[in-house]
Amino acid sequence: MDMEKFMERLEQMAARQKADMEECRRKEKEEMEENRRKEKEERKAEKEEMLKEIRANQVKADADRVWMENRIDATCHNIY
């Protein structure tokens, strides 16, 4: 093999290696973006679940407050 063909093959190998590295970086970037998207969706779902629990607790607290007010009114009414 003469020197010119040898250099040509080296250049081809270097170009293939560069293309492979770029493809690898692109795939890693896509995976990182996908992971970020999934984490964001998970955080959003967790936040929505917490808000549901907070609302349910608020409804229960409001119901308990109304019950207590009615109980106090009834007790006061019986005293007088």
PDB file of N, CA and C in Angstrom:
ATOM      1  N   MET A   1       0.864  -1.171   0.000  1.00  0.00           N
ATOM      2  CA  MET A   1       0.000   0.000   0.000  1.00  0.00           C
ATOM      3  C   MET A   1       0.908   1.231   0.000  1.00  0.00           C
ATOM      4  N   ASP A   2       0.622   2.127  -0.898  1.00  0.00           N
ATOM      5  CA  ASP A   2       1.464   3.325  -0.943  1.00  0.00           C
ATOM      6  C   ASP A   2       1.001   4.343   0.096  1.00  0.00           C
ATOM      7  N   MET A   3       1.817   5.314   0.329  1.00  0.00           N
ATOM      8  CA  MET A   3       1.592   6.304   1.386  1.00  0.00           C
ATOM      9  C   MET A   3       0.305   7.090   1.167  1.00  0.00           C
ATOM     10  N   GLU A   4      -0.019   7.401  -0.075  1.00  0.00           N
ATOM     11  CA  GLU A   4      -1.227   8.184  -0.379  1.00  0.00           C
ATOM     12  C   GLU A   4      -2.485   7.418   0.033  1.00  0.00           C
ATOM     13  N   LYS A   5      -2.556   6.127  -0.299  1.00  0.00           N
ATOM     14  CA  LYS A   5      -3.719   5.317   0.080  1.00  0.00           C
ATOM     15  C   LYS A   5      -3.780   5.157   1.599  1.00  0.00           C
ATOM     16  N   PHE A   6      -2.634   4.993   2.218  1.00  0.00           N
ATOM     17  CA  PHE A   6      -2.575   4.860   3.666  1.00  0.00           C
ATOM     18  C   PHE A   6      -3.125   6.112   4.342  1.00  0.00           C
ATOM     19  N   MET A   7      -2.721   7.271   3.883  1.00  0.00           N
ATOM     20  CA  MET A   7      -3.201   8.537   4.441  1.00  0.00           C
ATOM     21  C   MET A   7      -4.697   8.697   4.199  1.00  0.00           C
ATOM     22  N   GLU A   8      -5.149   8.284   3.036  1.00  0.00           N
ATOM     23  CA  GLU A   8      -6.570   8.359   2.700  1.00  0.00           C
ATOM     24  C   GLU A   8      -7.380   7.493   3.661  1.00  0.00           C
ATOM     25  N   ARG A   9      -6.891   6.282   3.941  1.00  0.00           N
ATOM     26  CA  ARG A   9      -7.594   5.383   4.867  1.00  0.00           C
ATOM     27  C   ARG A   9      -7.597   5.956   6.286  1.00  0.00           C
ATOM     28  N   LEU A  10      -6.494   6.551   6.680  1.00  0.00           N
ATOM     29  CA  LEU A  10      -6.441   7.182   8.001  1.00  0.00           C
ATOM     30  C   LEU A  10      -7.461   8.306   8.110  1.00  0.00           C
ATOM     31  N   GLU A  11      -7.579   9.107   7.068  1.00  0.00           N
ATOM     32  CA  GLU A  11      -8.559  10.199   7.052  1.00  0.00           C
ATOM     33  C   GLU A  11      -9.979   9.656   7.120  1.00  0.00           C
ATOM     34  N   GLN A  12     -10.249   8.567   6.406  1.00  0.00           N
ATOM     35  CA  GLN A  12     -11.574   7.948   6.440  1.00  0.00           C
ATOM     36  C   GLN A  12     -11.888   7.426   7.842  1.00  0.00           C
ATOM     37  N   MET A  13     -10.892   6.774   8.449  1.00  0.00           N
ATOM     38  CA  MET A  13     -11.090   6.252   9.805  1.00  0.00           C
ATOM     39  C   MET A  13     -11.342   7.392  10.792  1.00  0.00           C
ATOM     40  N   ALA A  14     -10.586   8.468  10.647  1.00  0.00           N
ATOM     41  CA  ALA A  14     -10.770   9.625  11.528  1.00  0.00           C
ATOM     42  C   ALA A  14     -12.151  10.239  11.325  1.00  0.00           C
ATOM     43  N   ALA A  15     -12.595  10.329  10.073  1.00  0.00           N
ATOM     44  CA  ALA A  15     -13.921  10.886   9.781  1.00  0.00           C
ATOM     45  C   ALA A  15     -15.013  10.001  10.367  1.00  0.00           C
ATOM     46  N   ARG A  16     -14.856   8.666  10.260  1.00  0.00           N
ATOM     47  CA  ARG A  16     -15.837   7.741  10.834  1.00  0.00           C
ATOM     48  C   ARG A  16     -15.876   7.866  12.353  1.00  0.00           C
ATOM     49  N   GLN A  17     -14.695   7.959  12.945  1.00  0.00           N
ATOM     50  CA  GLN A  17     -14.618   8.088  14.397  1.00  0.00           C
ATOM     51  C   GLN A  17     -15.277   9.390  14.858  1.00  0.00           C
ATOM     52  N   LYS A  18     -15.042  10.460  14.138  1.00  0.00           N
ATOM     53  CA  LYS A  18     -15.652  11.748  14.474  1.00  0.00           C
ATOM     54  C   LYS A  18     -17.172  11.664  14.354  1.00  0.00           C
ATOM     55  N   ALA A  19     -17.653  11.037  13.279  1.00  0.00           N
ATOM     56  CA  ALA A  19     -19.098  10.887  13.081  1.00  0.00           C
ATOM     57  C   ALA A  19     -19.702  10.036  14.196  1.00  0.00           C
ATOM     58  N   ASP A  20     -19.001   8.970  14.588  1.00  0.00           N
ATOM     59  CA  ASP A  20     -19.491   8.116  15.671  1.00  0.00           C
ATOM     60  C   ASP A  20     -19.564   8.884  16.986  1.00  0.00           C
ATOM     61  N   MET A  21     -18.554   9.687  17.257  1.00  0.00           N
ATOM     62  CA  MET A  21     -18.545  10.482  18.491  1.00  0.00           C
ATOM     63  C   MET A  21     -19.680  11.502  18.489  1.00  0.00           C
ATOM     64  N   GLU A  22     -19.918  12.137  17.349  1.00  0.00           N
ATOM     65  CA  GLU A  22     -21.014  13.106  17.250  1.00  0.00           C
ATOM     66  C   GLU A  22     -22.359  12.423  17.451  1.00  0.00           C
ATOM     67  N   GLU A  23     -22.513  11.229  16.878  1.00  0.00           N
ATOM     68  CA  GLU A  23     -23.753  10.467  17.044  1.00  0.00           C
ATOM     69  C   GLU A  23     -23.942  10.088  18.516  1.00  0.00           C
ATOM     70  N   CYS A  24     -22.865   9.683  19.155  1.00  0.00           N
ATOM     71  CA  CYS A  24     -22.920   9.323  20.574  1.00  0.00           C
ATOM     72  C   CYS A  24     -23.320  10.536  21.415  1.00  0.00           C
ATOM     73  N   ARG A  25     -22.739  11.682  21.151  1.00  0.00           N
ATOM     74  CA  ARG A  25     -23.090  12.912  21.883  1.00  0.00           C
ATOM     75  C   ARG A  25     -24.546  13.296  21.650  1.00  0.00           C
ATOM     76  N   ARG A  26     -24.996  13.159  20.408  1.00  0.00           N
ATOM     77  CA  ARG A  26     -26.387  13.490  20.087  1.00  0.00           C
ATOM     78  C   ARG A  26     -27.339  12.585  20.870  1.00  0.00           C
ATOM     79  N   LYS A  27     -27.030  11.280  20.908  1.00  0.00           N
ATOM     80  CA  LYS A  27     -27.886  10.343  21.642  1.00  0.00           C
ATOM     81  C   LYS A  27     -27.880  10.644  23.135  1.00  0.00           C
ATOM     82  N   GLU A  28     -26.710  10.956  23.684  1.00  0.00           N
ATOM     83  CA  GLU A  28     -26.630  11.307  25.104  1.00  0.00           C
ATOM     84  C   GLU A  28     -27.452  12.554  25.401  1.00  0.00           C
ATOM     85  N   LYS A  29     -27.376  13.532  24.520  1.00  0.00           N
ATOM     86  CA  LYS A  29     -28.140  14.767  24.705  1.00  0.00           C
ATOM     87  C   LYS A  29     -29.639  14.471  24.668  1.00  0.00           C
ATOM     88  N   GLU A  30     -30.066  13.631  23.719  1.00  0.00           N
ATOM     89  CA  GLU A  30     -31.483  13.263  23.628  1.00  0.00           C
ATOM     90  C   GLU A  30     -31.932  12.544  24.895  1.00  0.00           C
ATOM     91  N   GLU A  31     -31.096  11.630  25.401  1.00  0.00           N
ATOM     92  CA  GLU A  31     -31.437  10.903  26.624  1.00  0.00           C
ATOM     93  C   GLU A  31     -31.548  11.850  27.812  1.00  0.00           C
ATOM     94  N   MET A  32     -30.624  12.794  27.911  1.00  0.00           N
ATOM     95  CA  MET A  32     -30.675  13.762  29.010  1.00  0.00           C
ATOM     96  C   MET A  32     -31.937  14.607  28.921  1.00  0.00           C
ATOM     97  N   GLU A  33     -32.293  15.041  27.719  1.00  0.00           N
ATOM     98  CA  GLU A  33     -33.509  15.841  27.546  1.00  0.00           C
ATOM     99  C   GLU A  33     -34.743  15.022  27.900  1.00  0.00           C
ATOM    100  N   GLU A  34     -34.761  13.754  27.497  1.00  0.00           N
ATOM    101  CA  GLU A  34     -35.887  12.874  27.813  1.00  0.00           C
ATOM    102  C   GLU A  34     -35.989  12.673  29.330  1.00  0.00           C
ATOM    103  N   ASN A  35     -34.852  12.471  29.986  1.00  0.00           N
ATOM    104  CA  ASN A  35     -34.857  12.312  31.447  1.00  0.00           C
ATOM    105  C   ASN A  35     -35.355  13.571  32.137  1.00  0.00           C
ATOM    106  N   ARG A  36     -34.924  14.732  31.664  1.00  0.00           N
ATOM    107  CA  ARG A  36     -35.399  15.999  32.243  1.00  0.00           C
ATOM    108  C   ARG A  36     -36.903  16.141  32.062  1.00  0.00           C
ATOM    109  N   ARG A  37     -37.383  15.789  30.877  1.00  0.00           N
ATOM    110  CA  ARG A  37     -38.820  15.888  30.606  1.00  0.00           C
ATOM    111  C   ARG A  37     -39.603  14.960  31.542  1.00  0.00           C
ATOM    112  N   LYS A  38     -39.120  13.728  31.700  1.00  0.00           N
ATOM    113  CA  LYS A  38     -39.802  12.778  32.583  1.00  0.00           C
ATOM    114  C   LYS A  38     -39.790  13.265  34.028  1.00  0.00           C
ATOM    115  N   GLU A  39     -38.648  13.778  34.483  1.00  0.00           N
ATOM    116  CA  GLU A  39     -38.560  14.293  35.849  1.00  0.00           C
ATOM    117  C   GLU A  39     -39.514  15.466  36.047  1.00  0.00           C
ATOM    118  N   LYS A  40     -39.605  16.321  35.045  1.00  0.00           N
ATOM    119  CA  LYS A  40     -40.512  17.470  35.128  1.00  0.00           C
ATOM    120  C   LYS A  40     -41.958  16.992  35.225  1.00  0.00           C
ATOM    121  N   GLU A  41     -42.314  15.981  34.413  1.00  0.00           N
ATOM    122  CA  GLU A  41     -43.673  15.439  34.462  1.00  0.00           C
ATOM    123  C   GLU A  41     -43.954  14.798  35.819  1.00  0.00           C
ATOM    124  N   GLU A  42     -42.954  14.084  36.367  1.00  0.00           N
ATOM    125  CA  GLU A  42     -43.127  13.459  37.676  1.00  0.00           C
ATOM    126  C   GLU A  42     -43.325  14.513  38.761  1.00  0.00           C
ATOM    127  N   ARG A  43     -42.530  15.576  38.720  1.00  0.00           N
ATOM    128  CA  ARG A  43     -42.684  16.653  39.709  1.00  0.00           C
ATOM    129  C   ARG A  43     -44.057  17.303  39.586  1.00  0.00           C
ATOM    130  N   LYS A  44     -44.518  17.481  38.348  1.00  0.00           N
ATOM    131  CA  LYS A  44     -45.836  18.085  38.133  1.00  0.00           C
ATOM    132  C   LYS A  44     -46.928  17.186  38.715  1.00  0.00           C
ATOM    133  N   ALA A  45     -46.818  15.877  38.479  1.00  0.00           N
ATOM    134  CA  ALA A  45     -47.804  14.939  39.010  1.00  0.00           C
ATOM    135  C   ALA A  45     -47.776  14.936  40.540  1.00  0.00           C
ATOM    136  N   GLU A  46     -46.574  14.961  41.129  1.00  0.00           N
ATOM    137  CA  GLU A  46     -46.462  15.007  42.587  1.00  0.00           C
ATOM    138  C   GLU A  46     -47.081  16.290  43.138  1.00  0.00           C
ATOM    139  N   LYS A  47     -46.833  17.400  42.460  1.00  0.00           N
ATOM    140  CA  LYS A  47     -47.391  18.681  42.898  1.00  0.00           C
ATOM    141  C   LYS A  47     -48.915  18.645  42.835  1.00  0.00           C
ATOM    142  N   GLU A  48     -49.465  18.095  41.749  1.00  0.00           N
ATOM    143  CA  GLU A  48     -50.920  18.003  41.618  1.00  0.00           C
ATOM    144  C   GLU A  48     -51.507  17.126  42.720  1.00  0.00           C
ATOM    145  N   GLU A  49     -50.816  16.027  43.041  1.00  0.00           N
ATOM    146  CA  GLU A  49     -51.286  15.138  44.104  1.00  0.00           C
ATOM    147  C   GLU A  49     -51.266  15.858  45.454  1.00  0.00           C
ATOM    148  N   MET A  50     -50.209  16.604  45.718  1.00  0.00           N
ATOM    149  CA  MET A  50     -50.141  17.365  46.974  1.00  0.00           C
ATOM    150  C   MET A  50     -51.257  18.398  47.041  1.00  0.00           C
ATOM    151  N   LEU A  51     -51.525  19.074  45.915  1.00  0.00           N
ATOM    152  CA  LEU A  51     -52.598  20.072  45.903  1.00  0.00           C
ATOM    153  C   LEU A  51     -53.951  19.422  46.167  1.00  0.00           C
ATOM    154  N   LYS A  52     -54.169  18.215  45.622  1.00  0.00           N
ATOM    155  CA  LYS A  52     -55.417  17.493  45.893  1.00  0.00           C
ATOM    156  C   LYS A  52     -55.543  17.194  47.381  1.00  0.00           C
ATOM    157  N   GLU A  53     -54.443  16.745  47.986  1.00  0.00           N
ATOM    158  CA  GLU A  53     -54.462  16.445  49.417  1.00  0.00           C
ATOM    159  C   GLU A  53     -54.719  17.706  50.237  1.00  0.00           C
ATOM    160  N   ILE A  54     -54.090  18.799  49.848  1.00  0.00           N
ATOM    161  CA  ILE A  54     -54.297  20.066  50.563  1.00  0.00           C
ATOM    162  C   ILE A  54     -55.755  20.489  50.464  1.00  0.00           C
ATOM    163  N   ARG A  55     -56.323  20.387  49.265  1.00  0.00           N
ATOM    164  CA  ARG A  55     -57.736  20.762  49.093  1.00  0.00           C
ATOM    165  C   ARG A  55     -58.648  19.870  49.928  1.00  0.00           C
ATOM    166  N   ALA A  56     -58.364  18.562  49.925  1.00  0.00           N
ATOM    167  CA  ALA A  56     -59.178  17.633  50.713  1.00  0.00           C
ATOM    168  C   ALA A  56     -59.068  17.963  52.198  1.00  0.00           C
ATOM    169  N   ASN A  57     -57.866  18.264  52.652  1.00  0.00           N
ATOM    170  CA  ASN A  57     -57.678  18.632  54.061  1.00  0.00           C
ATOM    171  C   ASN A  57     -58.393  19.934  54.389  1.00  0.00           C
ATOM    172  N   GLN A  58     -58.397  20.874  53.450  1.00  0.00           N
ATOM    173  CA  GLN A  58     -59.079  22.148  53.671  1.00  0.00           C
ATOM    174  C   GLN A  58     -60.589  21.941  53.765  1.00  0.00           C
ATOM    175  N   VAL A  59     -61.124  21.080  52.897  1.00  0.00           N
ATOM    176  CA  VAL A  59     -62.561  20.785  52.942  1.00  0.00           C
ATOM    177  C   VAL A  59     -62.911  20.148  54.282  1.00  0.00           C
ATOM    178  N   LYS A  60     -62.085  19.200  54.720  1.00  0.00           N
ATOM    179  CA  LYS A  60     -62.334  18.553  56.013  1.00  0.00           C
ATOM    180  C   LYS A  60     -62.236  19.569  57.149  1.00  0.00           C
ATOM    181  N   ALA A  61     -61.234  20.434  57.101  1.00  0.00           N
ATOM    182  CA  ALA A  61     -61.076  21.452  58.146  1.00  0.00           C
ATOM    183  C   ALA A  61     -62.279  22.388  58.162  1.00  0.00           C
ATOM    184  N   ASP A  62     -62.765  22.772  56.986  1.00  0.00           N
ATOM    185  CA  ASP A  62     -63.946  23.641  56.916  1.00  0.00           C
ATOM    186  C   ASP A  62     -65.166  22.934  57.495  1.00  0.00           C
ATOM    187  N   ALA A  63     -65.329  21.657  57.161  1.00  0.00           N
ATOM    188  CA  ALA A  63     -66.465  20.893  57.683  1.00  0.00           C
ATOM    189  C   ALA A  63     -66.360  20.763  59.200  1.00  0.00           C
ATOM    190  N   ASP A  64     -65.171  20.499  59.703  1.00  0.00           N
ATOM    191  CA  ASP A  64     -64.973  20.395  61.153  1.00  0.00           C
ATOM    192  C   ASP A  64     -65.266  21.725  61.840  1.00  0.00           C
ATOM    193  N   ARG A  65     -64.856  22.828  61.225  1.00  0.00           N
ATOM    194  CA  ARG A  65     -65.101  24.152  61.797  1.00  0.00           C
ATOM    195  C   ARG A  65     -66.599  24.427  61.869  1.00  0.00           C
ATOM    196  N   VAL A  66     -67.316  24.127  60.780  1.00  0.00           N
ATOM    197  CA  VAL A  66     -68.769  24.347  60.761  1.00  0.00           C
ATOM    198  C   VAL A  66     -69.437  23.477  61.819  1.00  0.00           C
ATOM    199  N   TRP A  67     -69.003  22.221  61.920  1.00  0.00           N
ATOM    200  CA  TRP A  67     -69.577  21.328  62.925  1.00  0.00           C
ATOM    201  C   TRP A  67     -69.347  21.892  64.322  1.00  0.00           C
ATOM    202  N   MET A  68     -68.123  22.366  64.569  1.00  0.00           N
ATOM    203  CA  MET A  68     -67.784  22.912  65.884  1.00  0.00           C
ATOM    204  C   MET A  68     -68.604  24.172  66.166  1.00  0.00           C
ATOM    205  N   GLU A  69     -68.766  25.041  65.170  1.00  0.00           N
ATOM    206  CA  GLU A  69     -69.575  26.249  65.365  1.00  0.00           C
ATOM    207  C   GLU A  69     -71.013  25.879  65.688  1.00  0.00           C
ATOM    208  N   ASN A  70     -71.553  24.898  64.971  1.00  0.00           N
ATOM    209  CA  ASN A  70     -72.925  24.459  65.238  1.00  0.00           C
ATOM    210  C   ASN A  70     -73.042  23.849  66.628  1.00  0.00           C
ATOM    211  N   ARG A  71     -72.036  23.098  67.010  1.00  0.00           N
ATOM    212  CA  ARG A  71     -72.026  22.477  68.339  1.00  0.00           C
ATOM    213  C   ARG A  71     -71.984  23.548  69.430  1.00  0.00           C
ATOM    214  N   ILE A  72     -71.157  24.561  69.223  1.00  0.00           N
ATOM    215  CA  ILE A  72     -71.064  25.664  70.193  1.00  0.00           C
ATOM    216  C   ILE A  72     -72.391  26.408  70.263  1.00  0.00           C
ATOM    217  N   ASP A  73     -72.989  26.685  69.086  1.00  0.00           N
ATOM    218  CA  ASP A  73     -74.288  27.371  69.066  1.00  0.00           C
ATOM    219  C   ASP A  73     -75.338  26.554  69.803  1.00  0.00           C
ATOM    220  N   ALA A  74     -75.351  25.246  69.565  1.00  0.00           N
ATOM    221  CA  ALA A  74     -76.342  24.389  70.223  1.00  0.00           C
ATOM    222  C   ALA A  74     -76.110  24.360  71.729  1.00  0.00           C
ATOM    223  N   THR A  75     -74.865  24.297  72.133  1.00  0.00           N
ATOM    224  CA  THR A  75     -74.543  24.280  73.565  1.00  0.00           C
ATOM    225  C   THR A  75     -74.949  25.596  74.214  1.00  0.00           C
ATOM    226  N   CYS A  76     -74.625  26.695  73.552  1.00  0.00           N
ATOM    227  CA  CYS A  76     -74.991  28.013  74.088  1.00  0.00           C
ATOM    228  C   CYS A  76     -76.499  28.173  74.138  1.00  0.00           C
ATOM    229  N   HIS A  77     -77.185  27.662  73.131  1.00  0.00           N
ATOM    230  CA  HIS A  77     -78.642  27.766  73.081  1.00  0.00           C
ATOM    231  C   HIS A  77     -79.264  26.983  74.241  1.00  0.00           C
ATOM    232  N   ASN A  78     -78.698  25.831  74.564  1.00  0.00           N
ATOM    233  CA  ASN A  78     -79.215  25.018  75.671  1.00  0.00           C
ATOM    234  C   ASN A  78     -78.953  25.669  77.020  1.00  0.00           C
ATOM    235  N   ILE A  79     -77.867  26.436  77.110  1.00  0.00           N
ATOM    236  CA  ILE A  79     -77.536  27.095  78.377  1.00  0.00           C
ATOM    237  C   ILE A  79     -78.520  28.224  78.653  1.00  0.00           C
ATOM    238  N   TYR A  80     -78.862  28.972  77.632  1.00  0.00           N
ATOM    239  CA  TYR A  80     -79.744  30.123  77.820  1.00  0.00           C
ATOM    240  C   TYR A  80     -81.136  29.667  77.704  1.00  0.00           C
TER     241      TYR A  80
END
